[in-house]
C-alpha atoms as a PDB file:
ATOM      1  CA  MET A   1      26.882 -23.148 -18.987  1.00  0.00           C
ATOM      2  CA  ASP A   2      27.615 -19.928 -20.595  1.00  0.00           C
ATOM      3  CA  VAL A   3      24.108 -19.915 -22.367  1.00  0.00           C
ATOM      4  CA  LEU A   4      22.344 -20.560 -18.987  1.00  0.00           C
ATOM      5  CA  TYR A   5      24.480 -17.798 -17.314  1.00  0.00           C
ATOM      6  CA  ALA A   6      23.428 -15.396 -20.130  1.00  0.00           C
ATOM      7  CA  ASP A   7      19.970 -16.131 -20.033  1.00  0.00           C
ATOM      8  CA  LEU A   8      19.956 -15.502 -16.337  1.00  0.00           C
ATOM      9  CA  VAL A   9      21.750 -12.323 -16.672  1.00  0.00           C
ATOM     10  CA  ASN A  10      19.083 -11.282 -19.371  1.00  0.00           C
ATOM     11  CA  LEU A  11      16.200 -12.434 -17.244  1.00  0.00           C
ATOM     12  CA  ILE A  12      17.528 -10.241 -14.372  1.00  0.00           C
ATOM     13  CA  ASN A  13      18.129  -7.218 -16.505  1.00  0.00           C
ATOM     14  CA  ASN A  14      14.596  -7.524 -17.981  1.00  0.00           C
ATOM     15  CA  MET A  15      12.929  -7.920 -14.616  1.00  0.00           C
ATOM     16  CA  ALA A  16      14.814  -5.435 -12.511  1.00  0.00           C
ATOM     17  CA  PHE A  17      12.943  -2.430 -13.633  1.00  0.00           C
ATOM     18  CA  PRO A  18       9.471  -3.962 -13.075  1.00  0.00           C
ATOM     19  CA  VAL A  19      10.414  -5.241  -9.667  1.00  0.00           C
ATOM     20  CA  ALA A  20      11.736  -1.918  -8.689  1.00  0.00           C
ATOM     21  CA  VAL A  21       8.630  -0.120  -9.778  1.00  0.00           C
ATOM     22  CA  SER A  22       6.346  -2.588  -7.928  1.00  0.00           C
ATOM     23  CA  VAL A  23       8.361  -2.301  -4.776  1.00  0.00           C
ATOM     24  CA  TYR A  24       8.290   1.558  -4.884  1.00  0.00           C
ATOM     25  CA  LEU A  25       4.480   1.636  -5.478  1.00  0.00           C
ATOM     26  CA  LEU A  26       3.802  -0.897  -2.771  1.00  0.00           C
ATOM     27  CA  VAL A  27       5.847   1.216  -0.360  1.00  0.00           C
ATOM     28  CA  ARG A  28       3.823   4.266  -1.296  1.00  0.00           C
ATOM     29  CA  LEU A  29       0.499   2.466  -1.001  1.00  0.00           C
ATOM     30  CA  GLU A  30       1.386   1.335   2.463  1.00  0.00           C
ATOM     31  CA  THR A  31       2.021   4.735   3.781  1.00  0.00           C
ATOM     32  CA  ARG A  32      -1.100   6.070   2.400  1.00  0.00           C
ATOM     33  CA  LEU A  33      -3.171   3.112   3.866  1.00  0.00           C
ATOM     34  CA  ASP A  34      -1.533   3.893   7.264  1.00  0.00           C
ATOM     35  CA  VAL A  35      -2.919   7.430   6.863  1.00  0.00           C
ATOM     36  CA  LEU A  36      -6.194   6.342   5.798  1.00  0.00           C
ATOM     37  CA  THR A  37      -6.273   3.912   8.694  1.00  0.00           C
ATOM     38  CA  SER A  38      -5.502   6.646  11.260  1.00  0.00           C
ATOM     39  CA  ALA A  39      -8.055   8.985   9.776  1.00  0.00           C
ATOM     40  CA  ILE A  40     -10.690   6.275  10.115  1.00  0.00           C
ATOM     41  CA  ASP A  41      -9.875   5.563  13.519  1.00  0.00           C
ATOM     42  CA  GLU A  42     -10.175   9.276  14.376  1.00  0.00           C
ATOM     43  CA  LEU A  43     -13.548   9.465  12.670  1.00  0.00           C
ATOM     44  CA  ARG A  44     -14.833   6.364  14.637  1.00  0.00           C
ATOM     45  CA  THR A  45     -13.746   8.040  18.030  1.00  0.00           C
ATOM     46  CA  VAL A  46     -15.474  11.338  17.048  1.00  0.00           C
ATOM     47  CA  ILE A  47     -18.703   9.694  15.830  1.00  0.00           C
ATOM     48  CA  GLY A  48     -18.657   7.374  18.950  1.00  0.00           C
ATOM     49  CA  SER A  49     -18.574  10.522  21.034  1.00  0.00           C
ATOM     50  CA  LEU A  50     -21.502  12.238  19.730  1.00  0.00           C
ATOM     51  CA  LYS A  51     -24.492  12.130  21.541  1.00  0.00           C
ATOM     52  CA  ILE A  52     -27.588  11.687  19.296  1.00  0.00           C
ATOM     53  CA  ASN A  53     -31.165  12.238  20.336  1.00  0.00           C
ATOM     54  CA  PRO A  54     -33.102   9.233  18.770  1.00  0.00           C
ATOM     55  CA  LEU A  55     -36.397  11.345  18.817  1.00  0.00           C
ATOM     56  CA  SER A  56     -34.686  14.075  16.724  1.00  0.00           C
ATOM     57  CA  VAL A  57     -33.910  11.753  13.771  1.00  0.00           C
END
């Protein structure tokens, strides 16, 4: 039983740093994606409001 417990503790110690870094990066990526989504929505609104004369193209 002690060997299994030691292996489990070792696994948690080895995996904690990569998991923490992954969570941190995912949270940062999510906030950047929210900002980009807002910018795209704003661009869509602006482009949709433009009146383009088809003869001038």
